[in-house]
Amino acid sequence: MPLLSRKVDYALLILAYLYHRPEGGCAREIADRFGVSRAFVANILKVLCGKGYVLSHRGVKGGYALCRPAEDIRLDELMLALGETFCLAECSKESSQGACSLEAICPVRDAINRLHQRIYDMLHNVTLADLFRSASTTTSAGRTTLELA
């Protein structure tokens, strides 16, 4: 099972698109750019609007734009806002009491929980700007463009 759910993965694509286009973009443009369902993009944009990550503008020049700096958004925060939690193993969950019949005698439970915490700390320390800057390159004209192809 991947660490990032499909919803988080597509939310990151959408947010990266908007990060590199301060003027914003519409759901159709984003869906066409990545070859995904317009309805799925619109659904994720609706959630991102509701959680305060993007603003929507109606009208002919309408669309979506980031409303918070990507430097202020941590990856773990986005995952939680989208209803996705990170869990390395059943015993890593906060509500894991009785989730595993071997919990009391498991020789690796503490090590798994320490690893879980290290990965979670890493997710907490990565901002969306960190992700989006590493996905971009500088052109000969000095502009930064997103390289997703």
Protein backbone atom coordinates (compact mmCIF):
# COMPACT_ATOMS: atom_id res chain seq x y z
CA MET A 1 0.00 0.00 0.00
CA PRO A 2 1.47 3.37 -0.96
CA LEU A 3 2.18 5.94 1.71
CA LEU A 4 0.30 8.63 -0.22
CA SER A 5 -3.28 7.86 -1.15
CA ARG A 6 -4.61 8.65 -4.60
CA LYS A 7 -6.48 11.64 -3.14
CA VAL A 8 -3.30 13.07 -1.59
CA ASP A 9 -1.33 12.32 -4.74
CA TYR A 10 -3.78 14.23 -6.95
CA ALA A 11 -4.10 17.04 -4.39
CA LEU A 12 -0.33 17.46 -4.63
CA LEU A 13 -0.54 17.60 -8.44
CA ILE A 14 -3.27 20.24 -8.23
CA LEU A 15 -1.44 22.30 -5.62
CA ALA A 16 1.83 22.09 -7.59
CA TYR A 17 0.00 23.30 -10.69
CA LEU A 18 -1.39 26.28 -8.76
CA TYR A 19 1.95 26.95 -7.04
CA HIS A 20 3.62 27.46 -10.42
CA ARG A 21 0.74 29.59 -11.71
CA PRO A 22 0.10 32.44 -9.25
CA GLU A 23 -2.66 33.68 -11.56
CA GLY A 24 -4.47 30.42 -10.84
CA GLY A 25 -6.17 27.87 -13.03
CA CYS A 26 -9.49 26.14 -13.57
CA ALA A 27 -10.44 22.52 -12.95
CA ARG A 28 -10.64 21.83 -16.69
CA GLU A 29 -7.08 23.08 -17.30
CA ILE A 30 -5.73 21.01 -14.43
CA ALA A 31 -7.61 17.87 -15.48
CA ASP A 32 -6.45 18.27 -19.08
CA ARG A 33 -2.83 18.88 -18.02
CA PHE A 34 -2.64 15.62 -16.08
CA GLY A 35 -5.13 13.56 -18.07
CA VAL A 36 -7.42 12.89 -15.12
CA SER A 37 -11.15 13.11 -14.64
CA ARG A 38 -12.45 16.67 -14.41
CA ALA A 39 -14.99 15.53 -11.81
CA PHE A 40 -12.23 14.06 -9.63
CA VAL A 41 -10.18 17.26 -9.89
CA ALA A 42 -13.26 19.35 -9.08
CA ASN A 43 -14.00 17.17 -6.06
CA ILE A 44 -10.46 17.54 -4.70
CA LEU A 45 -10.54 21.29 -5.37
CA LYS A 46 -13.79 21.52 -3.41
CA VAL A 47 -12.15 19.80 -0.43
CA LEU A 48 -9.03 21.97 -0.73
CA CYS A 49 -11.26 25.08 -0.77
CA GLY A 50 -13.15 23.89 2.27
CA LYS A 51 -9.91 23.24 4.15
CA GLY A 52 -8.48 26.67 3.31
CA TYR A 53 -5.72 25.68 0.89
CA VAL A 54 -7.17 27.26 -2.26
CA LEU A 55 -9.59 30.06 -3.10
CA SER A 56 -12.18 29.83 -5.82
CA HIS A 57 -13.14 32.72 -8.09
CA ARG A 58 -16.33 32.62 -10.15
CA GLY A 59 -16.91 34.18 -13.52
CA VAL A 60 -15.26 34.31 -16.92
CA LYS A 61 -11.78 34.69 -15.39
CA GLY A 62 -12.70 32.31 -12.58
CA GLY A 63 -10.73 29.41 -11.27
CA TYR A 64 -8.62 28.47 -8.30
CA ALA A 65 -5.50 29.86 -6.67
CA LEU A 66 -3.45 29.03 -3.59
CA CYS A 67 -4.57 31.02 -0.59
CA ARG A 68 -1.76 29.94 1.72
CA PRO A 69 1.95 30.02 0.97
CA ALA A 70 3.27 26.56 0.10
CA GLU A 71 6.07 27.24 2.60
CA ASP A 72 3.45 27.19 5.38
CA ILE A 73 1.82 23.89 4.43
CA ARG A 74 3.37 20.69 5.78
CA LEU A 75 2.85 17.37 4.04
CA ASP A 76 1.49 15.68 7.19
CA GLU A 77 -0.99 18.54 7.64
CA LEU A 78 -2.29 18.14 4.09
CA MET A 79 -2.65 14.38 4.51
CA LEU A 80 -4.65 14.83 7.71
CA ALA A 81 -6.79 17.59 6.17
CA LEU A 82 -7.74 15.21 3.35
CA GLY A 83 -8.73 12.55 5.87
CA GLU A 84 -5.68 10.42 5.21
CA THR A 85 -3.57 9.26 8.11
CA PHE A 86 -0.15 7.73 7.98
CA CYS A 87 0.18 4.36 9.69
CA LEU A 88 3.19 2.10 9.23
CA ALA A 89 1.55 -0.84 11.03
CA GLU A 90 -1.66 -1.52 12.95
CA CYS A 91 0.21 -1.17 16.24
CA SER A 92 1.42 2.29 15.16
CA LYS A 93 -2.11 3.71 15.29
CA GLU A 94 -2.97 5.82 18.31
CA SER A 95 -6.06 3.68 18.88
CA SER A 96 -4.22 0.38 18.46
CA GLN A 97 -5.21 -1.21 21.77
CA GLY A 98 -6.11 -4.79 20.95
CA ALA A 99 -5.62 -4.32 17.19
CA CYS A 100 -3.08 -7.12 17.09
CA SER A 101 -3.23 -10.36 19.01
CA LEU A 102 0.58 -10.44 19.24
CA GLU A 103 0.91 -6.92 20.61
CA ALA A 104 1.98 -8.01 24.10
CA ILE A 105 4.73 -10.34 22.89
CA CYS A 106 5.82 -8.75 19.62
CA PRO A 107 9.62 -8.43 19.51
CA VAL A 108 9.58 -5.64 16.89
CA ARG A 109 6.68 -3.48 18.04
CA ASP A 110 8.86 -0.83 19.69
CA ALA A 111 11.21 -0.70 16.69
CA ILE A 112 8.25 -0.38 14.29
CA ASN A 113 6.80 2.42 16.40
CA ARG A 114 10.15 4.27 16.44
CA LEU A 115 10.38 3.90 12.64
CA HIS A 116 6.79 5.10 12.31
CA GLN A 117 7.66 8.20 14.37
CA ARG A 118 10.76 8.93 12.26
CA ILE A 119 8.75 8.75 9.03
CA TYR A 120 5.98 10.89 10.53
CA ASP A 121 8.56 13.47 11.67
CA MET A 122 9.92 13.58 8.13
CA LEU A 123 6.42 14.16 6.72
CA HIS A 124 5.96 16.91 9.31
CA ASN A 125 9.19 18.63 8.28
CA VAL A 126 8.50 18.66 4.52
CA THR A 127 6.58 21.63 3.19
CA LEU A 128 4.77 21.74 -0.11
CA ALA A 129 7.27 24.35 -1.26
CA ASP A 130 10.06 21.83 -0.64
CA LEU A 131 8.28 19.34 -2.87
CA PHE A 132 7.33 21.81 -5.56
CA ARG A 133 10.74 23.47 -5.79
CA SER A 134 12.43 20.11 -6.29
CA ALA A 135 10.00 19.40 -9.16
CA SER A 136 10.91 22.57 -11.01
CA THR A 137 13.81 23.72 -13.10
CA THR A 138 15.09 27.11 -14.11
CA THR A 139 14.85 27.94 -17.79
CA SER A 140 17.48 29.87 -19.76
CA ALA A 141 15.30 32.97 -19.37
CA GLY A 142 15.55 32.60 -15.59
CA ARG A 143 11.93 31.55 -15.11
CA THR A 144 11.00 28.55 -13.02
CA THR A 145 8.78 25.99 -14.72
CA LEU A 146 7.21 22.78 -13.51
CA GLU A 147 8.63 19.62 -14.99
CA LEU A 148 6.03 16.91 -14.73
CA ALA A 149 6.30 15.24 -18.12
